[in-house]
């Protein structure tokens, strides 16, 4: 009984094409944002070799 309450209902993903497109587009957007969170500080460090600037980038990304 407890196990059934913890499972996620995936019926909308199977039955609704539009909802599936929305879900997949949000997944792609979130993956892209995570790539940017890693890539921008990495590129700043490669260009400047400044840990301070990398820290500032992280601070400004958090806001």
PDB file of N, CA and C in Angstrom:
ATOM      1  N   UNK A   1       0.824  -1.194   0.000  1.00  0.00           N
ATOM      2  CA  UNK A   1       0.000   0.000   0.000  1.00  0.00           C
ATOM      3  C   UNK A   1       0.867   1.255   0.000  1.00  0.00           C
ATOM      4  N   UNK A   2       1.888   1.288   0.840  1.00  0.00           N
ATOM      5  CA  UNK A   2       2.757   2.453   0.912  1.00  0.00           C
ATOM      6  C   UNK A   2       3.515   2.654  -0.396  1.00  0.00           C
ATOM      7  N   UNK A   3       3.943   1.559  -1.019  1.00  0.00           N
ATOM      8  CA  UNK A   3       4.696   1.653  -2.267  1.00  0.00           C
ATOM      9  C   UNK A   3       3.893   2.268  -3.394  1.00  0.00           C
ATOM     10  N   UNK A   4       2.614   2.019  -3.444  1.00  0.00           N
ATOM     11  CA  UNK A   4       1.776   2.562  -4.516  1.00  0.00           C
ATOM     12  C   UNK A   4       1.599   4.066  -4.377  1.00  0.00           C
ATOM     13  N   UNK A   5       1.634   4.591  -3.189  1.00  0.00           N
ATOM     14  CA  UNK A   5       1.480   6.034  -2.996  1.00  0.00           C
ATOM     15  C   UNK A   5       2.740   6.786  -3.398  1.00  0.00           C
ATOM     16  N   UNK A   6       3.882   6.124  -3.392  1.00  0.00           N
ATOM     17  CA  UNK A   6       5.135   6.789  -3.709  1.00  0.00           C
ATOM     18  C   UNK A   6       5.453   6.784  -5.200  1.00  0.00           C
ATOM     19  N   UNK A   7       4.731   5.993  -5.986  1.00  0.00           N
ATOM     20  CA  UNK A   7       4.994   5.920  -7.417  1.00  0.00           C
ATOM     21  C   UNK A   7       4.412   7.131  -8.136  1.00  0.00           C
ATOM     22  N   UNK A   8       5.103   7.580  -9.160  1.00  0.00           N
ATOM     23  CA  UNK A   8       4.648   8.712  -9.958  1.00  0.00           C
ATOM     24  C   UNK A   8       3.736   8.195 -11.062  1.00  0.00           C
ATOM     25  N   UNK A   9       2.641   8.888 -11.299  1.00  0.00           N
ATOM     26  CA  UNK A   9       1.703   8.507 -12.355  1.00  0.00           C
ATOM     27  C   UNK A   9       2.217   9.032 -13.696  1.00  0.00           C
ATOM     28  N   UNK A  10       2.636   8.140 -14.562  1.00  0.00           N
ATOM     29  CA  UNK A  10       3.169   8.509 -15.872  1.00  0.00           C
ATOM     30  C   UNK A  10       2.118   8.461 -16.975  1.00  0.00           C
ATOM     31  N   UNK A  11       0.873   8.290 -16.608  1.00  0.00           N
ATOM     32  CA  UNK A  11      -0.198   8.196 -17.600  1.00  0.00           C
ATOM     33  C   UNK A  11      -0.263   9.420 -18.516  1.00  0.00           C
ATOM     34  N   UNK A  12      -0.161  10.655 -18.006  1.00  0.00           N
ATOM     35  CA  UNK A  12      -0.216  11.804 -18.917  1.00  0.00           C
ATOM     36  C   UNK A  12       0.904  11.793 -19.964  1.00  0.00           C
ATOM     37  N   UNK A  13       2.082  11.298 -19.594  1.00  0.00           N
ATOM     38  CA  UNK A  13       3.178  11.236 -20.567  1.00  0.00           C
ATOM     39  C   UNK A  13       2.879  10.239 -21.678  1.00  0.00           C
ATOM     40  N   UNK A  14       2.208   9.172 -21.350  1.00  0.00           N
ATOM     41  CA  UNK A  14       1.883   8.152 -22.353  1.00  0.00           C
ATOM     42  C   UNK A  14       0.701   8.557 -23.219  1.00  0.00           C
ATOM     43  N   UNK A  15      -0.264   9.244 -22.644  1.00  0.00           N
ATOM     44  CA  UNK A  15      -1.521   9.490 -23.347  1.00  0.00           C
ATOM     45  C   UNK A  15      -1.585  10.825 -24.076  1.00  0.00           C
ATOM     46  N   UNK A  16      -0.853  11.814 -23.637  1.00  0.00           N
ATOM     47  CA  UNK A  16      -0.962  13.148 -24.230  1.00  0.00           C
ATOM     48  C   UNK A  16       0.323  13.516 -24.967  1.00  0.00           C
ATOM     49  N   UNK A  17       0.214  13.623 -26.288  1.00  0.00           N
ATOM     50  CA  UNK A  17       1.376  13.988 -27.095  1.00  0.00           C
ATOM     51  C   UNK A  17       1.858  15.396 -26.745  1.00  0.00           C
ATOM     52  N   UNK A  18       0.922  16.333 -26.551  1.00  0.00           N
ATOM     53  CA  UNK A  18       1.297  17.707 -26.227  1.00  0.00           C
ATOM     54  C   UNK A  18       2.012  17.789 -24.876  1.00  0.00           C
ATOM     55  N   UNK A  19       1.510  17.057 -23.889  1.00  0.00           N
ATOM     56  CA  UNK A  19       2.164  17.046 -22.584  1.00  0.00           C
ATOM     57  C   UNK A  19       3.553  16.436 -22.681  1.00  0.00           C
ATOM     58  N   UNK A  20       3.694  15.405 -23.494  1.00  0.00           N
ATOM     59  CA  UNK A  20       4.999  14.766 -23.699  1.00  0.00           C
ATOM     60  C   UNK A  20       5.979  15.757 -24.329  1.00  0.00           C
ATOM     61  N   UNK A  21       5.521  16.529 -25.321  1.00  0.00           N
ATOM     62  CA  UNK A  21       6.379  17.549 -25.935  1.00  0.00           C
ATOM     63  C   UNK A  21       6.773  18.622 -24.922  1.00  0.00           C
ATOM     64  N   UNK A  22       5.817  19.042 -24.101  1.00  0.00           N
ATOM     65  CA  UNK A  22       6.111  20.029 -23.067  1.00  0.00           C
ATOM     66  C   UNK A  22       7.149  19.494 -22.094  1.00  0.00           C
ATOM     67  N   UNK A  23       6.970  18.257 -21.644  1.00  0.00           N
ATOM     68  CA  UNK A  23       7.880  17.646 -20.682  1.00  0.00           C
ATOM     69  C   UNK A  23       9.282  17.513 -21.260  1.00  0.00           C
ATOM     70  N   UNK A  24       9.373  17.057 -22.519  1.00  0.00           N
ATOM     71  CA  UNK A  24      10.685  16.891 -23.156  1.00  0.00           C
ATOM     72  C   UNK A  24      11.362  18.232 -23.403  1.00  0.00           C
ATOM     73  N   UNK A  25      10.583  19.254 -23.760  1.00  0.00           N
ATOM     74  CA  UNK A  25      11.188  20.568 -23.977  1.00  0.00           C
ATOM     75  C   UNK A  25      11.701  21.157 -22.667  1.00  0.00           C
ATOM     76  N   UNK A  26      10.978  20.940 -21.585  1.00  0.00           N
ATOM     77  CA  UNK A  26      11.465  21.404 -20.285  1.00  0.00           C
ATOM     78  C   UNK A  26      12.722  20.650 -19.870  1.00  0.00           C
ATOM     79  N   UNK A  27      12.781  19.364 -20.161  1.00  0.00           N
ATOM     80  CA  UNK A  27      13.969  18.571 -19.865  1.00  0.00           C
ATOM     81  C   UNK A  27      15.177  19.096 -20.643  1.00  0.00           C
ATOM     82  N   UNK A  28      14.980  19.403 -21.930  1.00  0.00           N
ATOM     83  CA  UNK A  28      16.071  19.931 -22.752  1.00  0.00           C
ATOM     84  C   UNK A  28      16.514  21.304 -22.255  1.00  0.00           C
ATOM     85  N   UNK A  29      15.563  22.139 -21.858  1.00  0.00           N
ATOM     86  CA  UNK A  29      15.894  23.466 -21.342  1.00  0.00           C
ATOM     87  C   UNK A  29      16.699  23.369 -20.056  1.00  0.00           C
ATOM     88  N   UNK A  30      16.291  22.502 -19.154  1.00  0.00           N
ATOM     89  CA  UNK A  30      17.015  22.348 -17.893  1.00  0.00           C
ATOM     90  C   UNK A  30      18.416  21.788 -18.120  1.00  0.00           C
ATOM     91  N   UNK A  31      18.557  20.868 -19.058  1.00  0.00           N
ATOM     92  CA  UNK A  31      19.883  20.330 -19.375  1.00  0.00           C
ATOM     93  C   UNK A  31      20.770  21.426 -19.943  1.00  0.00           C
ATOM     94  N   UNK A  32      20.218  22.259 -20.818  1.00  0.00           N
ATOM     95  CA  UNK A  32      20.983  23.370 -21.383  1.00  0.00           C
ATOM     96  C   UNK A  32      21.420  24.366 -20.327  1.00  0.00           C
ATOM     97  N   UNK A  33      20.539  24.655 -19.385  1.00  0.00           N
ATOM     98  CA  UNK A  33      20.905  25.579 -18.307  1.00  0.00           C
ATOM     99  C   UNK A  33      22.045  25.019 -17.461  1.00  0.00           C
ATOM    100  N   UNK A  34      22.008  23.726 -17.184  1.00  0.00           N
ATOM    101  CA  UNK A  34      23.071  23.116 -16.393  1.00  0.00           C
ATOM    102  C   UNK A  34      24.402  23.143 -17.141  1.00  0.00           C
ATOM    103  N   UNK A  35      24.353  22.965 -18.447  1.00  0.00           N
ATOM    104  CA  UNK A  35      25.575  23.054 -19.249  1.00  0.00           C
ATOM    105  C   UNK A  35      26.149  24.460 -19.172  1.00  0.00           C
ATOM    106  N   UNK A  36      25.289  25.470 -19.244  1.00  0.00           N
ATOM    107  CA  UNK A  36      25.744  26.860 -19.154  1.00  0.00           C
ATOM    108  C   UNK A  36      26.354  27.141 -17.786  1.00  0.00           C
ATOM    109  N   UNK A  37      25.751  26.606 -16.729  1.00  0.00           N
ATOM    110  CA  UNK A  37      26.265  26.825 -15.371  1.00  0.00           C
ATOM    111  C   UNK A  37      27.693  26.307 -15.244  1.00  0.00           C
ATOM    112  N   UNK A  38      28.021  25.246 -15.960  1.00  0.00           N
ATOM    113  CA  UNK A  38      29.371  24.684 -15.912  1.00  0.00           C
ATOM    114  C   UNK A  38      30.281  25.346 -16.943  1.00  0.00           C
ATOM    115  N   UNK A  39      29.780  25.586 -18.144  1.00  0.00           N
ATOM    116  CA  UNK A  39      30.623  26.038 -19.250  1.00  0.00           C
ATOM    117  C   UNK A  39      31.106  27.476 -19.093  1.00  0.00           C
ATOM    118  N   UNK A  40      30.257  28.367 -18.604  1.00  0.00           N
ATOM    119  CA  UNK A  40      30.652  29.776 -18.501  1.00  0.00           C
ATOM    120  C   UNK A  40      31.804  29.967 -17.516  1.00  0.00           C
ATOM    121  N   UNK A  41      31.723  29.457 -16.281  1.00  0.00           N
ATOM    122  CA  UNK A  41      32.886  29.610 -15.394  1.00  0.00           C
ATOM    123  C   UNK A  41      34.142  28.927 -15.937  1.00  0.00           C
ATOM    124  N   UNK A  42      33.977  27.795 -16.584  1.00  0.00           N
ATOM    125  CA  UNK A  42      35.129  27.102 -17.165  1.00  0.00           C
ATOM    126  C   UNK A  42      35.788  27.959 -18.241  1.00  0.00           C
ATOM    127  N   UNK A  43      34.980  28.558 -19.101  1.00  0.00           N
ATOM    128  CA  UNK A  43      35.536  29.402 -20.156  1.00  0.00           C
ATOM    129  C   UNK A  43      36.183  30.660 -19.576  1.00  0.00           C
ATOM    130  N   UNK A  44      35.572  31.243 -18.554  1.00  0.00           N
ATOM    131  CA  UNK A  44      36.165  32.420 -17.911  1.00  0.00           C
ATOM    132  C   UNK A  44      37.515  32.055 -17.316  1.00  0.00           C
ATOM    133  N   UNK A  45      37.619  30.889 -16.690  1.00  0.00           N
ATOM    134  CA  UNK A  45      38.901  30.484 -16.117  1.00  0.00           C
ATOM    135  C   UNK A  45      39.942  30.240 -17.205  1.00  0.00           C
ATOM    136  N   UNK A  46      39.534  29.617 -18.310  1.00  0.00           N
ATOM    137  CA  UNK A  46      40.486  29.377 -19.400  1.00  0.00           C
ATOM    138  C   UNK A  46      41.002  30.681 -19.997  1.00  0.00           C
ATOM    139  N   UNK A  47      40.151  31.684 -20.065  1.00  0.00           N
ATOM    140  CA  UNK A  47      40.555  32.957 -20.665  1.00  0.00           C
ATOM    141  C   UNK A  47      41.343  33.839 -19.708  1.00  0.00           C
ATOM    142  N   UNK A  48      41.023  33.804 -18.404  1.00  0.00           N
ATOM    143  CA  UNK A  48      41.626  34.751 -17.469  1.00  0.00           C
ATOM    144  C   UNK A  48      42.538  34.116 -16.429  1.00  0.00           C
ATOM    145  N   UNK A  49      42.401  32.826 -16.163  1.00  0.00           N
ATOM    146  CA  UNK A  49      43.127  32.133 -15.079  1.00  0.00           C
ATOM    147  C   UNK A  49      42.912  32.825 -13.736  1.00  0.00           C
ATOM    148  N   UNK A  50      41.711  33.371 -13.547  1.00  0.00           N
ATOM    149  CA  UNK A  50      41.386  34.086 -12.319  1.00  0.00           C
ATOM    150  C   UNK A  50      40.292  33.348 -11.552  1.00  0.00           C
ATOM    151  N   UNK A  51      40.647  32.854 -10.389  1.00  0.00           N
ATOM    152  CA  UNK A  51      39.651  32.200  -9.539  1.00  0.00           C
ATOM    153  C   UNK A  51      38.636  33.207  -9.007  1.00  0.00           C
ATOM    154  N   UNK A  52      39.071  34.443  -8.816  1.00  0.00           N
ATOM    155  CA  UNK A  52      38.161  35.483  -8.343  1.00  0.00           C
ATOM    156  C   UNK A  52      37.030  35.708  -9.343  1.00  0.00           C
ATOM    157  N   UNK A  53      37.366  35.813 -10.613  1.00  0.00           N
ATOM    158  CA  UNK A  53      36.331  36.018 -11.626  1.00  0.00           C
ATOM    159  C   UNK A  53      35.396  34.816 -11.736  1.00  0.00           C
ATOM    160  N   UNK A  54      35.946  33.628 -11.587  1.00  0.00           N
ATOM    161  CA  UNK A  54      35.099  32.431 -11.609  1.00  0.00           C
ATOM    162  C   UNK A  54      34.134  32.466 -10.424  1.00  0.00           C
ATOM    163  N   UNK A  55      34.611  32.872  -9.269  1.00  0.00           N
ATOM    164  CA  UNK A  55      33.744  32.994  -8.101  1.00  0.00           C
ATOM    165  C   UNK A  55      32.668  34.044  -8.293  1.00  0.00           C
ATOM    166  N   UNK A  56      33.034  35.162  -8.912  1.00  0.00           N
ATOM    167  CA  UNK A  56      32.040  36.203  -9.181  1.00  0.00           C
ATOM    168  C   UNK A  56      30.985  35.722 -10.173  1.00  0.00           C
ATOM    169  N   UNK A  57      31.418  34.970 -11.171  1.00  0.00           N
ATOM    170  CA  UNK A  57      30.463  34.401 -12.126  1.00  0.00           C
ATOM    171  C   UNK A  57      29.482  33.488 -11.386  1.00  0.00           C
ATOM    172  N   UNK A  58      29.992  32.652 -10.505  1.00  0.00           N
ATOM    173  CA  UNK A  58      29.122  31.772  -9.726  1.00  0.00           C
ATOM    174  C   UNK A  58      28.163  32.554  -8.849  1.00  0.00           C
ATOM    175  N   UNK A  59      28.643  33.646  -8.264  1.00  0.00           N
ATOM    176  CA  UNK A  59      27.791  34.486  -7.430  1.00  0.00           C
ATOM    177  C   UNK A  59      26.676  35.111  -8.252  1.00  0.00           C
ATOM    178  N   UNK A  60      27.018  35.648  -9.411  1.00  0.00           N
ATOM    179  CA  UNK A  60      26.014  36.308 -10.239  1.00  0.00           C
ATOM    180  C   UNK A  60      25.050  35.316 -10.878  1.00  0.00           C
ATOM    181  N   UNK A  61      25.492  34.100 -11.136  1.00  0.00           N
ATOM    182  CA  UNK A  61      24.579  33.093 -11.667  1.00  0.00           C
ATOM    183  C   UNK A  61      23.568  32.659 -10.613  1.00  0.00           C
ATOM    184  N   UNK A  62      23.941  32.768  -9.353  1.00  0.00           N
ATOM    185  CA  UNK A  62      23.043  32.350  -8.278  1.00  0.00           C
ATOM    186  C   UNK A  62      21.923  33.357  -8.038  1.00  0.00           C
ATOM    187  N   UNK A  63      22.119  34.575  -8.500  1.00  0.00           N
ATOM    188  CA  UNK A  63      21.113  35.632  -8.260  1.00  0.00           C
ATOM    189  C   UNK A  63      20.022  35.591  -9.277  1.00  0.00           C
TER     190      UNK A  63
END
